[in-house]
Amino acid sequence: MKTPENSCAIAYSTILFGDKWSLLILRDFIFYNKTRFKELISSEEKISTKILTNRLKSLQKLGMIQILNPKGTKKSRQYFVTEKGLSVLPIIIEFYLFSIHFIDESKLNEFQMIFKKELLADRALFETQLKRNYLHFIRKLKRLKNVA
């Protein structure tokens, strides 16, 4: 991964998230509780397997995600967002708030309509609940896998 040569925070962020895929992958983890490669590959945006593999490796190197793999096989491998990765949630929400008014509601699915309604009603509450629900989901997942 390329390292920024200056101290500009925006330049650094664009290097970390300069492609659309990283934020969409994090969105799928946090908003939709996806944990497996096959779940991520089935997203509406149709990411290629090669790009998904590369982005997952990159996000892992950045400390944004971790792998939960108690059996050590590709089929048992699950990914989850770390606390550092979860810190990107306000950025994802801001992107959403910026663009949601330009998208025809007839193109939104049921979950997207619920997110829109809840987010526009109370942004702070939406973010707090989404983060809390995701952390609860991950704790439950780790318990099921017997991982601390």
Protein backbone atom coordinates (compact mmCIF):
# COMPACT_ATOMS: atom_id res chain seq x y z
CA MET A 1 0.00 0.00 0.00
CA LYS A 2 1.18 3.49 -0.85
CA THR A 3 2.09 5.69 2.12
CA PRO A 4 1.37 9.43 2.01
CA GLU A 5 4.47 11.57 1.79
CA ASN A 6 2.89 14.66 3.32
CA SER A 7 1.00 15.40 6.50
CA CYS A 8 -2.33 16.31 4.90
CA ALA A 9 -5.11 14.32 6.55
CA ILE A 10 -7.31 14.48 3.44
CA ALA A 11 -4.50 13.15 1.24
CA TYR A 12 -3.93 10.35 3.73
CA SER A 13 -7.65 9.48 3.76
CA THR A 14 -7.87 9.38 -0.02
CA ILE A 15 -4.99 6.92 -0.10
CA LEU A 16 -6.75 4.74 2.48
CA PHE A 17 -10.19 5.00 0.86
CA GLY A 18 -9.47 6.32 -2.62
CA ASP A 19 -11.46 3.55 -4.24
CA LYS A 20 -15.16 2.94 -3.88
CA TRP A 21 -14.79 -0.68 -2.88
CA SER A 22 -13.24 -0.24 0.56
CA LEU A 23 -16.08 1.91 1.85
CA LEU A 24 -18.70 -0.33 0.25
CA ILE A 25 -17.15 -3.41 1.85
CA LEU A 26 -17.12 -1.70 5.25
CA ARG A 27 -20.74 -0.65 4.64
CA ASP A 28 -21.72 -4.25 3.95
CA PHE A 29 -20.05 -5.41 7.15
CA ILE A 30 -21.57 -2.72 9.37
CA PHE A 31 -24.99 -2.11 7.80
CA TYR A 32 -25.82 -5.64 6.66
CA ASN A 33 -23.75 -7.81 9.05
CA LYS A 34 -22.05 -9.61 6.18
CA THR A 35 -19.07 -11.68 7.33
CA ARG A 36 -18.22 -14.09 4.52
CA PHE A 37 -16.55 -13.68 1.15
CA LYS A 38 -19.55 -15.16 -0.67
CA GLU A 39 -21.88 -12.66 1.05
CA LEU A 40 -19.70 -9.74 0.03
CA ILE A 41 -19.34 -10.96 -3.56
CA SER A 42 -23.14 -11.07 -3.88
CA SER A 43 -23.58 -7.34 -3.17
CA GLU A 44 -25.51 -5.27 -5.71
CA GLU A 45 -22.40 -3.44 -6.86
CA LYS A 46 -20.91 -6.66 -8.33
CA ILE A 47 -17.33 -6.44 -7.11
CA SER A 48 -14.97 -8.90 -8.81
CA THR A 49 -13.43 -11.69 -6.75
CA LYS A 50 -9.92 -10.35 -7.45
CA ILE A 51 -10.75 -6.83 -6.29
CA LEU A 52 -12.61 -8.14 -3.23
CA THR A 53 -9.67 -10.35 -2.28
CA ASN A 54 -7.25 -7.42 -2.64
CA ARG A 55 -9.45 -5.00 -0.68
CA LEU A 56 -9.96 -7.49 2.15
CA LYS A 57 -6.18 -7.95 2.40
CA SER A 58 -5.66 -4.19 2.34
CA LEU A 59 -8.33 -3.52 4.98
CA GLN A 60 -6.80 -6.22 7.15
CA LYS A 61 -3.29 -4.71 6.81
CA LEU A 62 -4.73 -1.33 7.78
CA GLY A 63 -6.28 -2.85 10.90
CA MET A 64 -9.80 -2.06 9.70
CA ILE A 65 -10.93 -5.68 9.67
CA GLN A 66 -9.89 -8.96 11.25
CA ILE A 67 -10.42 -12.56 10.29
CA LEU A 68 -12.29 -14.97 12.50
CA ASN A 69 -11.26 -18.45 11.40
CA PRO A 70 -11.24 -21.01 14.22
CA LYS A 71 -11.13 -24.02 11.84
CA GLY A 72 -8.40 -22.55 9.64
CA THR A 73 -10.23 -23.19 6.37
CA LYS A 74 -11.41 -20.80 3.65
CA LYS A 75 -15.01 -21.93 4.16
CA SER A 76 -14.94 -21.17 7.89
CA ARG A 77 -13.28 -17.76 7.43
CA GLN A 78 -15.35 -14.79 8.53
CA TYR A 79 -14.38 -11.14 8.55
CA PHE A 80 -15.40 -8.46 11.00
CA VAL A 81 -14.75 -4.76 11.41
CA THR A 82 -12.39 -3.68 14.17
CA GLU A 83 -12.84 -0.63 16.37
CA LYS A 84 -10.58 1.25 13.92
CA GLY A 85 -12.75 0.14 11.01
CA LEU A 86 -15.88 1.11 12.86
CA SER A 87 -14.48 4.64 13.20
CA VAL A 88 -15.21 5.01 9.45
CA LEU A 89 -18.97 4.79 10.12
CA PRO A 90 -19.46 8.60 10.33
CA ILE A 91 -17.78 8.97 6.92
CA ILE A 92 -20.07 6.35 5.38
CA ILE A 93 -23.08 8.09 6.91
CA GLU A 94 -21.97 11.48 5.56
CA PHE A 95 -21.58 10.02 2.06
CA TYR A 96 -25.08 8.60 2.44
CA LEU A 97 -26.55 11.92 3.62
CA PHE A 98 -24.86 13.75 0.76
CA SER A 99 -26.30 11.52 -1.95
CA ILE A 100 -29.60 10.07 -0.70
CA HIS A 101 -31.67 13.01 -1.91
CA PHE A 102 -30.50 12.40 -5.49
CA ILE A 103 -31.60 8.74 -5.63
CA ASP A 104 -35.10 7.85 -6.80
CA GLU A 105 -36.82 6.04 -3.91
CA SER A 106 -38.26 3.47 -6.31
CA LYS A 107 -34.69 2.14 -6.69
CA LEU A 108 -34.21 1.60 -2.94
CA ASN A 109 -34.84 -1.78 -1.35
CA GLU A 110 -36.69 -2.29 1.93
CA PHE A 111 -33.54 -2.01 4.08
CA GLN A 112 -32.41 1.13 2.28
CA MET A 113 -35.80 2.76 2.85
CA ILE A 114 -35.65 1.91 6.57
CA PHE A 115 -32.10 3.29 6.80
CA LYS A 116 -33.14 6.46 5.00
CA LYS A 117 -36.13 7.05 7.26
CA GLU A 118 -34.22 6.37 10.50
CA LEU A 119 -31.11 8.31 9.48
CA LEU A 120 -32.99 11.39 8.34
CA ALA A 121 -35.13 11.33 11.50
CA ASP A 122 -32.15 11.30 13.92
CA ARG A 123 -28.62 10.94 12.61
CA ALA A 124 -26.94 10.64 16.02
CA LEU A 125 -29.38 7.99 17.22
CA PHE A 126 -29.06 6.06 13.94
CA GLU A 127 -25.25 5.99 14.19
CA THR A 128 -25.30 5.01 17.88
CA GLN A 129 -27.79 2.19 17.33
CA LEU A 130 -26.06 0.88 14.21
CA LYS A 131 -22.71 0.77 16.01
CA ARG A 132 -24.23 -0.85 19.11
CA ASN A 133 -26.09 -3.44 17.00
CA TYR A 134 -22.94 -4.27 15.04
CA LEU A 135 -20.82 -4.68 18.17
CA HIS A 136 -23.51 -6.93 19.68
CA PHE A 137 -23.57 -8.99 16.47
CA ILE A 138 -19.77 -9.42 16.58
CA ARG A 139 -19.74 -10.39 20.28
CA LYS A 140 -22.42 -12.99 19.57
CA LEU A 141 -20.50 -14.28 16.54
CA LYS A 142 -17.29 -14.62 18.56
CA ARG A 143 -19.14 -16.45 21.35
CA LEU A 144 -20.58 -18.89 18.84
CA LYS A 145 -17.06 -19.50 17.51
CA ASN A 146 -15.59 -19.66 21.04
CA VAL A 147 -13.19 -16.80 20.37
CA ALA A 148 -12.37 -14.08 22.88
